[in-house]
Amino acid sequence: MDSTLDLVGSTLGLVDSTLGLVDSTLGLVDSTLGSVNSTLRLMDSTLDLVGSTLGLVGSTLDLVGSSTLGVVGILTEVSCVF
């Protein structure tokens, strides 16, 4: 009877250790997923910044193009007068 109780005790100890290992593994998975989530948020913010910067560059190029056309138009009119 004592050996059966010892076996049950050892088995319960093994189950307890296994559950502790599972708990630690799940904690590691949770931390990893949190890191992945943070990385994806950072990438999203970076892409938003890149998009905004490209929009600013596009607007600046539009402004430069409009200004250049305006100057060319003025110079063309002035040269036609002479």
Foldseek 3Di string as FASTA:
>chain_A
DVVVVVVVVVVVVVVVVVVVVVVVVVVVVVVVVVVVVVVVVVVVVVVVVVVVVVVVVVVVVVVVVVVVVVVVVVVVVVVVVD
